[in-house]
Each structure stands twice: as C-alpha cells, then as structure tokens.
C-alpha cells in the first residue's frame, strides 16, 4: 500500500513488457469488488433460479435442460469478460 492510501501492483515490469499499472485507491478497488460480487450473484443465482422456475412449467424437461446449459455457458462468458474488463487499467 502506498503512503497516500493507494494500492499498488509493485515494481514496474521488465523493459519491453510495459509499465506497471497505476495505483488504485481503496474506494475504487472496493467498488470494483462490489460490482463483481453483484454480477456474480445475479448471473449465478438469481437469473438461473427465475429462468428455471419459468421454464419448468412451460416446456419439456429436455429443452429446459438444454436452455439452462446454454444460459450457463453464456453466463460464464459474460462473467469472464466482466472480470477482465473490471481488472483492466486505463493508461493515460
């Protein structure tokens, strides 16, 4: 942690790889963590529960399972993209 209350990534990278990420304040890091936690709960708990409840009474089990697998794959891709997007630093 830096003297100004910021979180740092450590020393700069060896030459040719690129500069170290700029420091990030605790509030910014906490905000990003909250976004990831909220997105995870929505993608992995709330939406699948509602989707399963909706599909259970409207379509046959084989199609319901197929749609749930498709949703799971799509949710995984979105979660990975969001994780990478939130972790990326903007260099001025």
N, C-alpha and C. Protein backbone atom coordinates (compact mmCIF):
# COMPACT_ATOMS: atom_id res chain seq x y z
N UNK A 1 0.85 -1.17 0.00
CA UNK A 1 0.00 0.00 0.00
C UNK A 1 0.89 1.22 0.00
N UNK A 2 0.58 2.19 -0.83
CA UNK A 2 1.36 3.40 -0.91
C UNK A 2 1.10 4.31 0.28
N UNK A 3 1.94 5.32 0.46
CA UNK A 3 1.82 6.26 1.56
C UNK A 3 0.56 7.11 1.47
N UNK A 4 -0.03 7.23 0.27
CA UNK A 4 -1.23 8.04 0.11
C UNK A 4 -2.51 7.22 0.23
N UNK A 5 -2.43 5.99 0.73
CA UNK A 5 -3.61 5.15 0.90
C UNK A 5 -4.02 4.42 -0.35
N UNK A 6 -3.12 4.31 -1.31
CA UNK A 6 -3.44 3.64 -2.57
C UNK A 6 -2.85 2.24 -2.59
N UNK A 7 -3.47 1.38 -3.39
CA UNK A 7 -3.00 0.02 -3.56
C UNK A 7 -2.14 -0.01 -4.81
N UNK A 8 -0.92 -0.54 -4.72
CA UNK A 8 -0.04 -0.58 -5.88
C UNK A 8 0.21 -2.01 -6.30
N UNK A 9 0.58 -2.18 -7.54
CA UNK A 9 0.85 -3.50 -8.09
C UNK A 9 2.30 -3.92 -7.90
N UNK A 10 3.12 -3.12 -7.30
CA UNK A 10 4.51 -3.48 -7.09
C UNK A 10 5.42 -2.79 -8.08
N UNK A 11 6.62 -3.33 -8.27
CA UNK A 11 7.59 -2.68 -9.16
C UNK A 11 7.16 -2.77 -10.61
N UNK A 12 7.77 -1.92 -11.43
CA UNK A 12 7.42 -1.92 -12.84
C UNK A 12 7.92 -3.21 -13.51
N UNK A 13 7.34 -3.50 -14.63
CA UNK A 13 7.67 -4.71 -15.38
C UNK A 13 9.03 -4.53 -16.05
N UNK A 14 9.70 -5.62 -16.39
CA UNK A 14 10.97 -5.52 -17.13
C UNK A 14 10.75 -4.80 -18.46
N UNK A 15 11.81 -4.21 -18.97
CA UNK A 15 11.68 -3.44 -20.20
C UNK A 15 11.17 -4.33 -21.34
N UNK A 16 10.33 -3.72 -22.17
CA UNK A 16 9.77 -4.45 -23.30
C UNK A 16 8.41 -5.04 -23.01
N UNK A 17 8.04 -5.21 -21.74
CA UNK A 17 6.75 -5.79 -21.41
C UNK A 17 5.71 -4.70 -21.22
N UNK A 18 6.08 -3.59 -20.62
CA UNK A 18 5.16 -2.48 -20.43
C UNK A 18 5.27 -1.93 -19.03
N UNK A 19 4.67 -0.78 -18.80
CA UNK A 19 4.75 -0.14 -17.50
C UNK A 19 3.85 -0.83 -16.48
N UNK A 20 4.14 -0.61 -15.22
CA UNK A 20 3.29 -1.14 -14.15
C UNK A 20 1.96 -0.41 -14.15
N UNK A 21 0.93 -1.05 -13.65
CA UNK A 21 -0.38 -0.43 -13.58
C UNK A 21 -0.33 0.73 -12.58
N UNK A 22 -1.06 1.80 -12.85
CA UNK A 22 -1.08 2.92 -11.92
C UNK A 22 -1.75 2.51 -10.61
N UNK A 23 -1.48 3.28 -9.56
CA UNK A 23 -2.06 2.94 -8.27
C UNK A 23 -3.57 3.13 -8.30
N UNK A 24 -4.24 2.41 -7.41
CA UNK A 24 -5.69 2.44 -7.34
C UNK A 24 -6.08 2.69 -5.89
N UNK A 25 -7.04 3.55 -5.66
CA UNK A 25 -7.46 3.83 -4.29
C UNK A 25 -8.30 2.68 -3.76
N UNK A 26 -8.40 2.62 -2.43
CA UNK A 26 -9.20 1.56 -1.80
C UNK A 26 -10.66 1.67 -2.19
N UNK A 27 -11.17 2.87 -2.33
CA UNK A 27 -12.58 3.02 -2.68
C UNK A 27 -12.84 2.51 -4.10
N UNK A 28 -11.90 2.75 -5.01
CA UNK A 28 -12.07 2.25 -6.37
C UNK A 28 -12.00 0.72 -6.40
N UNK A 29 -11.05 0.16 -5.66
CA UNK A 29 -10.92 -1.30 -5.60
C UNK A 29 -12.15 -1.92 -4.95
N UNK A 30 -12.67 -1.29 -3.90
CA UNK A 30 -13.88 -1.79 -3.23
C UNK A 30 -15.08 -1.71 -4.16
N UNK A 31 -15.17 -0.65 -4.92
CA UNK A 31 -16.26 -0.51 -5.88
C UNK A 31 -16.22 -1.59 -6.94
N UNK A 32 -15.03 -1.88 -7.45
CA UNK A 32 -14.89 -2.95 -8.45
C UNK A 32 -15.24 -4.31 -7.86
N UNK A 33 -14.83 -4.55 -6.62
CA UNK A 33 -15.17 -5.81 -5.96
C UNK A 33 -16.67 -5.94 -5.77
N UNK A 34 -17.33 -4.84 -5.42
CA UNK A 34 -18.78 -4.86 -5.24
C UNK A 34 -19.49 -5.14 -6.56
N UNK A 35 -18.99 -4.57 -7.65
CA UNK A 35 -19.57 -4.83 -8.97
C UNK A 35 -19.45 -6.31 -9.32
N UNK A 36 -18.26 -6.89 -9.08
CA UNK A 36 -18.07 -8.31 -9.38
C UNK A 36 -18.95 -9.19 -8.51
N UNK A 37 -19.10 -8.86 -7.23
CA UNK A 37 -19.94 -9.64 -6.34
C UNK A 37 -21.40 -9.57 -6.76
N UNK A 38 -21.88 -8.39 -7.07
CA UNK A 38 -23.27 -8.23 -7.52
C UNK A 38 -23.52 -8.96 -8.83
N UNK A 39 -22.61 -8.81 -9.77
CA UNK A 39 -22.76 -9.50 -11.06
C UNK A 39 -22.74 -11.02 -10.88
N UNK A 40 -21.88 -11.52 -10.01
CA UNK A 40 -21.80 -12.96 -9.77
C UNK A 40 -23.09 -13.50 -9.18
N UNK A 41 -23.63 -12.80 -8.20
CA UNK A 41 -24.89 -13.25 -7.59
C UNK A 41 -26.01 -13.22 -8.61
N UNK A 42 -26.08 -12.17 -9.41
CA UNK A 42 -27.13 -12.09 -10.43
C UNK A 42 -26.97 -13.18 -11.48
N UNK A 43 -25.75 -13.34 -12.01
CA UNK A 43 -25.52 -14.30 -13.08
C UNK A 43 -25.62 -15.76 -12.64
N UNK A 44 -25.20 -16.04 -11.41
CA UNK A 44 -25.09 -17.44 -10.98
C UNK A 44 -26.19 -17.90 -10.04
N UNK A 45 -26.99 -16.99 -9.48
CA UNK A 45 -28.01 -17.39 -8.52
C UNK A 45 -29.39 -16.90 -8.93
N UNK A 46 -29.57 -15.60 -9.04
CA UNK A 46 -30.90 -15.03 -9.23
C UNK A 46 -31.49 -15.38 -10.59
N UNK A 47 -30.77 -15.07 -11.66
CA UNK A 47 -31.29 -15.31 -13.01
C UNK A 47 -31.53 -16.81 -13.27
N UNK A 48 -30.60 -17.71 -12.94
CA UNK A 48 -30.89 -19.12 -13.18
C UNK A 48 -32.11 -19.63 -12.39
N UNK A 49 -32.29 -19.14 -11.17
CA UNK A 49 -33.44 -19.55 -10.37
C UNK A 49 -34.74 -19.11 -11.03
N UNK A 50 -34.80 -17.87 -11.46
CA UNK A 50 -36.01 -17.36 -12.12
C UNK A 50 -36.23 -18.05 -13.46
N UNK A 51 -35.17 -18.27 -14.21
CA UNK A 51 -35.28 -18.93 -15.51
C UNK A 51 -35.77 -20.36 -15.35
N UNK A 52 -35.23 -21.07 -14.38
CA UNK A 52 -35.65 -22.45 -14.14
C UNK A 52 -37.11 -22.50 -13.69
N UNK A 53 -37.52 -21.59 -12.83
CA UNK A 53 -38.91 -21.55 -12.38
C UNK A 53 -39.85 -21.26 -13.56
N UNK A 54 -39.44 -20.37 -14.44
CA UNK A 54 -40.27 -20.03 -15.60
C UNK A 54 -40.35 -21.19 -16.58
N UNK A 55 -39.21 -21.80 -16.89
CA UNK A 55 -39.17 -22.85 -17.91
C UNK A 55 -39.79 -24.16 -17.43
N UNK A 56 -39.77 -24.43 -16.14
CA UNK A 56 -40.25 -25.71 -15.62
C UNK A 56 -41.71 -25.97 -15.93
N UNK A 57 -42.51 -24.93 -15.97
CA UNK A 57 -43.95 -25.11 -16.21
C UNK A 57 -44.34 -24.87 -17.66
N UNK A 58 -43.39 -24.51 -18.51
CA UNK A 58 -43.76 -24.13 -19.87
C UNK A 58 -43.21 -25.03 -20.97
N UNK A 59 -42.10 -25.72 -20.73
CA UNK A 59 -41.54 -26.58 -21.77
C UNK A 59 -41.13 -27.93 -21.20
N UNK A 60 -40.85 -28.87 -22.07
CA UNK A 60 -40.49 -30.23 -21.64
C UNK A 60 -39.09 -30.22 -21.01
N UNK A 61 -38.81 -31.18 -20.13
CA UNK A 61 -37.53 -31.19 -19.42
C UNK A 61 -36.29 -31.20 -20.31
N UNK A 62 -36.33 -31.89 -21.43
CA UNK A 62 -35.16 -31.94 -22.31
C UNK A 62 -34.78 -30.56 -22.84
N UNK A 63 -35.77 -29.81 -23.30
CA UNK A 63 -35.50 -28.46 -23.80
C UNK A 63 -35.12 -27.52 -22.66
N UNK A 64 -35.75 -27.70 -21.51
CA UNK A 64 -35.41 -26.86 -20.35
C UNK A 64 -33.94 -27.04 -19.98
N UNK A 65 -33.50 -28.29 -19.94
CA UNK A 65 -32.10 -28.56 -19.60
C UNK A 65 -31.15 -27.98 -20.65
N UNK A 66 -31.51 -28.11 -21.92
CA UNK A 66 -30.69 -27.56 -23.00
C UNK A 66 -30.58 -26.04 -22.86
N UNK A 67 -31.68 -25.37 -22.58
CA UNK A 67 -31.66 -23.91 -22.43
C UNK A 67 -30.87 -23.49 -21.19
N UNK A 68 -30.93 -24.28 -20.14
CA UNK A 68 -30.16 -23.96 -18.93
C UNK A 68 -28.65 -24.12 -19.18
N UNK A 69 -28.29 -25.13 -19.97
CA UNK A 69 -26.87 -25.31 -20.32
C UNK A 69 -26.40 -24.14 -21.19
N UNK A 70 -27.23 -23.72 -22.14
CA UNK A 70 -26.88 -22.56 -22.96
C UNK A 70 -26.72 -21.31 -22.09
N UNK A 71 -27.64 -21.13 -21.15
CA UNK A 71 -27.54 -19.97 -20.27
C UNK A 71 -26.26 -20.05 -19.44
N UNK A 72 -25.94 -21.21 -18.93
CA UNK A 72 -24.74 -21.37 -18.10
C UNK A 72 -23.48 -21.02 -18.90
N UNK A 73 -23.41 -21.47 -20.14
CA UNK A 73 -22.25 -21.16 -20.98
C UNK A 73 -22.17 -19.66 -21.26
N UNK A 74 -23.31 -19.05 -21.57
CA UNK A 74 -23.33 -17.61 -21.85
C UNK A 74 -22.98 -16.82 -20.59
N UNK A 75 -23.48 -17.24 -19.44
CA UNK A 75 -23.18 -16.54 -18.18
C UNK A 75 -21.69 -16.64 -17.87
N UNK A 76 -21.08 -17.79 -18.14
CA UNK A 76 -19.64 -17.95 -17.91
C UNK A 76 -18.84 -16.99 -18.79
N UNK A 77 -19.21 -16.90 -20.05
CA UNK A 77 -18.51 -16.00 -20.98
C UNK A 77 -18.67 -14.55 -20.52
N UNK A 78 -19.88 -14.16 -20.13
CA UNK A 78 -20.12 -12.79 -19.67
C UNK A 78 -19.34 -12.51 -18.39
N UNK A 79 -19.32 -13.47 -17.46
CA UNK A 79 -18.59 -13.28 -16.21
C UNK A 79 -17.09 -13.13 -16.47
N UNK A 80 -16.55 -13.92 -17.37
CA UNK A 80 -15.12 -13.81 -17.71
C UNK A 80 -14.82 -12.46 -18.35
N UNK A 81 -15.67 -12.04 -19.28
CA UNK A 81 -15.48 -10.75 -19.93
C UNK A 81 -15.54 -9.63 -18.90
N UNK A 82 -16.52 -9.68 -17.99
CA UNK A 82 -16.66 -8.65 -16.98
C UNK A 82 -15.45 -8.62 -16.06
N UNK A 83 -14.96 -9.78 -15.68
CA UNK A 83 -13.78 -9.84 -14.81
C UNK A 83 -12.57 -9.18 -15.48
N UNK A 84 -12.35 -9.50 -16.74
CA UNK A 84 -11.22 -8.91 -17.47
C UNK A 84 -11.44 -7.41 -17.64
N UNK A 85 -12.65 -7.02 -17.95
CA UNK A 85 -12.96 -5.60 -18.17
C UNK A 85 -12.77 -4.79 -16.89
N UNK A 86 -13.22 -5.32 -15.76
CA UNK A 86 -13.10 -4.60 -14.50
C UNK A 86 -11.64 -4.53 -14.05
N UNK A 87 -10.85 -5.56 -14.35
CA UNK A 87 -9.45 -5.58 -13.93
C UNK A 87 -8.54 -4.73 -14.80
N UNK A 88 -8.98 -4.41 -15.99
CA UNK A 88 -8.14 -3.65 -16.93
C UNK A 88 -7.95 -2.24 -16.43
N UNK A 89 -6.76 -1.75 -16.52
CA UNK A 89 -6.43 -0.39 -16.12
C UNK A 89 -6.42 0.50 -17.35
N UNK A 90 -6.84 1.71 -17.17
CA UNK A 90 -6.78 2.71 -18.25
C UNK A 90 -5.48 3.48 -18.10
N UNK A 91 -4.67 3.47 -19.13
CA UNK A 91 -3.41 4.22 -19.10
C UNK A 91 -3.64 5.56 -19.78
N UNK A 92 -3.27 6.65 -19.10
CA UNK A 92 -3.48 7.99 -19.71
C UNK A 92 -2.59 8.24 -20.90
